[in-house]
């Protein structure tokens, strides 16, 4: 796989991780085993996935837990501040 410049930029939220994985919400939801509305709510910071599901979500998005958890936290903080 060829790295593109955008692949090297830090991703700050859950939506960014999904987009970096080149997936639509629908594709991500199907691969994760969740509904599209659930993924949408996570990306808006309205809810968060269950902690025991994070390893699967990280695998689907091809990220480490060290990337996923901060992205989820930033997504929630952004939603609560604005």
C-alpha atoms as a PDB file:
ATOM      1  CA  UNK A   1       0.000   0.000   0.000  1.00  0.00           C
ATOM      2  CA  UNK A   2       1.354   3.383  -0.972  1.00  0.00           C
ATOM      3  CA  UNK A   3       1.341   6.058   1.720  1.00  0.00           C
ATOM      4  CA  UNK A   4      -0.192   9.356   0.778  1.00  0.00           C
ATOM      5  CA  UNK A   5       0.591  12.627   2.519  1.00  0.00           C
ATOM      6  CA  UNK A   6      -2.873  12.704   4.107  1.00  0.00           C
ATOM      7  CA  UNK A   7      -2.145   9.293   5.664  1.00  0.00           C
ATOM      8  CA  UNK A   8       0.689  10.853   7.628  1.00  0.00           C
ATOM      9  CA  UNK A   9      -1.387  13.715   9.061  1.00  0.00           C
ATOM     10  CA  UNK A  10      -2.770  13.220  12.558  1.00  0.00           C
ATOM     11  CA  UNK A  11      -6.460  12.407  12.746  1.00  0.00           C
ATOM     12  CA  UNK A  12      -8.284  14.082  15.576  1.00  0.00           C
ATOM     13  CA  UNK A  13     -11.718  12.494  15.612  1.00  0.00           C
ATOM     14  CA  UNK A  14     -13.656   9.337  14.860  1.00  0.00           C
ATOM     15  CA  UNK A  15     -15.011  10.562  11.536  1.00  0.00           C
ATOM     16  CA  UNK A  16     -11.461  11.333  10.427  1.00  0.00           C
ATOM     17  CA  UNK A  17     -10.352   7.803  11.251  1.00  0.00           C
ATOM     18  CA  UNK A  18     -13.211   6.371   9.204  1.00  0.00           C
ATOM     19  CA  UNK A  19     -12.499   8.677   6.277  1.00  0.00           C
ATOM     20  CA  UNK A  20      -8.794   7.837   6.405  1.00  0.00           C
ATOM     21  CA  UNK A  21      -9.848   4.184   6.090  1.00  0.00           C
ATOM     22  CA  UNK A  22     -11.771   5.189   2.935  1.00  0.00           C
ATOM     23  CA  UNK A  23     -15.099   3.960   4.284  1.00  0.00           C
ATOM     24  CA  UNK A  24     -18.567   5.397   4.259  1.00  0.00           C
ATOM     25  CA  UNK A  25     -20.587   5.311   7.470  1.00  0.00           C
ATOM     26  CA  UNK A  26     -22.589   2.482   5.933  1.00  0.00           C
ATOM     27  CA  UNK A  27     -19.496   0.406   5.162  1.00  0.00           C
ATOM     28  CA  UNK A  28     -17.986   1.034   8.587  1.00  0.00           C
ATOM     29  CA  UNK A  29     -21.241   0.168  10.354  1.00  0.00           C
ATOM     30  CA  UNK A  30     -21.596  -3.087   8.413  1.00  0.00           C
ATOM     31  CA  UNK A  31     -18.014  -4.153   9.103  1.00  0.00           C
ATOM     32  CA  UNK A  32     -18.318  -3.249  12.785  1.00  0.00           C
ATOM     33  CA  UNK A  33     -21.686  -4.961  13.186  1.00  0.00           C
ATOM     34  CA  UNK A  34     -23.513  -1.770  14.169  1.00  0.00           C
ATOM     35  CA  UNK A  35     -26.251   0.309  12.626  1.00  0.00           C
ATOM     36  CA  UNK A  36     -25.542   3.416  10.573  1.00  0.00           C
ATOM     37  CA  UNK A  37     -27.357   5.604  13.155  1.00  0.00           C
ATOM     38  CA  UNK A  38     -25.087   4.220  15.901  1.00  0.00           C
ATOM     39  CA  UNK A  39     -21.930   5.115  13.972  1.00  0.00           C
ATOM     40  CA  UNK A  40     -23.423   8.515  13.143  1.00  0.00           C
ATOM     41  CA  UNK A  41     -24.065   9.209  16.832  1.00  0.00           C
ATOM     42  CA  UNK A  42     -20.507   8.205  17.725  1.00  0.00           C
ATOM     43  CA  UNK A  43     -19.119  10.544  15.070  1.00  0.00           C
ATOM     44  CA  UNK A  44     -21.249  13.392  16.409  1.00  0.00           C
ATOM     45  CA  UNK A  45     -20.083  12.649  19.943  1.00  0.00           C
ATOM     46  CA  UNK A  46     -23.619  12.001  21.165  1.00  0.00           C
ATOM     47  CA  UNK A  47     -22.865   8.455  22.314  1.00  0.00           C
ATOM     48  CA  UNK A  48     -19.845   6.175  22.489  1.00  0.00           C
ATOM     49  CA  UNK A  49     -19.414   2.508  21.634  1.00  0.00           C
ATOM     50  CA  UNK A  50     -19.195  -0.044  24.408  1.00  0.00           C
ATOM     51  CA  UNK A  51     -15.639  -0.388  25.655  1.00  0.00           C
ATOM     52  CA  UNK A  52     -15.536  -4.121  24.916  1.00  0.00           C
ATOM     53  CA  UNK A  53     -16.226  -3.359  21.230  1.00  0.00           C
ATOM     54  CA  UNK A  54     -13.279  -0.980  20.804  1.00  0.00           C
ATOM     55  CA  UNK A  55     -10.764  -3.620  19.656  1.00  0.00           C
ATOM     56  CA  UNK A  56     -13.064  -4.654  16.784  1.00  0.00           C
ATOM     57  CA  UNK A  57     -13.715  -1.023  15.831  1.00  0.00           C
ATOM     58  CA  UNK A  58      -9.971  -0.334  15.852  1.00  0.00           C
ATOM     59  CA  UNK A  59      -9.378  -3.377  13.639  1.00  0.00           C
ATOM     60  CA  UNK A  60     -12.068  -2.318  11.154  1.00  0.00           C
ATOM     61  CA  UNK A  61     -10.613   1.198  10.959  1.00  0.00           C
ATOM     62  CA  UNK A  62      -7.074  -0.233  10.794  1.00  0.00           C
ATOM     63  CA  UNK A  63      -5.865   1.826  13.746  1.00  0.00           C
ATOM     64  CA  UNK A  64      -4.375   1.047  17.113  1.00  0.00           C
ATOM     65  CA  UNK A  65      -6.245   1.459  20.367  1.00  0.00           C
ATOM     66  CA  UNK A  66      -3.796   4.285  21.076  1.00  0.00           C
ATOM     67  CA  UNK A  67      -5.251   6.132  18.069  1.00  0.00           C
ATOM     68  CA  UNK A  68      -8.893   5.166  18.571  1.00  0.00           C
ATOM     69  CA  UNK A  69      -9.400   6.070  22.226  1.00  0.00           C
ATOM     70  CA  UNK A  70      -8.086   9.657  21.977  1.00  0.00           C
ATOM     71  CA  UNK A  71     -10.156  10.172  18.808  1.00  0.00           C
ATOM     72  CA  UNK A  72     -13.294   9.083  20.685  1.00  0.00           C
ATOM     73  CA  UNK A  73     -12.463  11.385  23.590  1.00  0.00           C
ATOM     74  CA  UNK A  74     -11.856  14.351  21.297  1.00  0.00           C
ATOM     75  CA  UNK A  75     -15.102  13.629  19.447  1.00  0.00           C
ATOM     76  CA  UNK A  76     -17.073  13.658  22.728  1.00  0.00           C
ATOM     77  CA  UNK A  77     -15.358  16.818  23.988  1.00  0.00           C
ATOM     78  CA  UNK A  78     -16.055  18.645  20.730  1.00  0.00           C
ATOM     79  CA  UNK A  79     -19.737  17.697  20.959  1.00  0.00           C
ATOM     80  CA  UNK A  80     -20.053  18.825  24.573  1.00  0.00           C
ATOM     81  CA  UNK A  81     -18.304  22.148  23.985  1.00  0.00           C
ATOM     82  CA  UNK A  82     -20.250  23.244  20.982  1.00  0.00           C
END
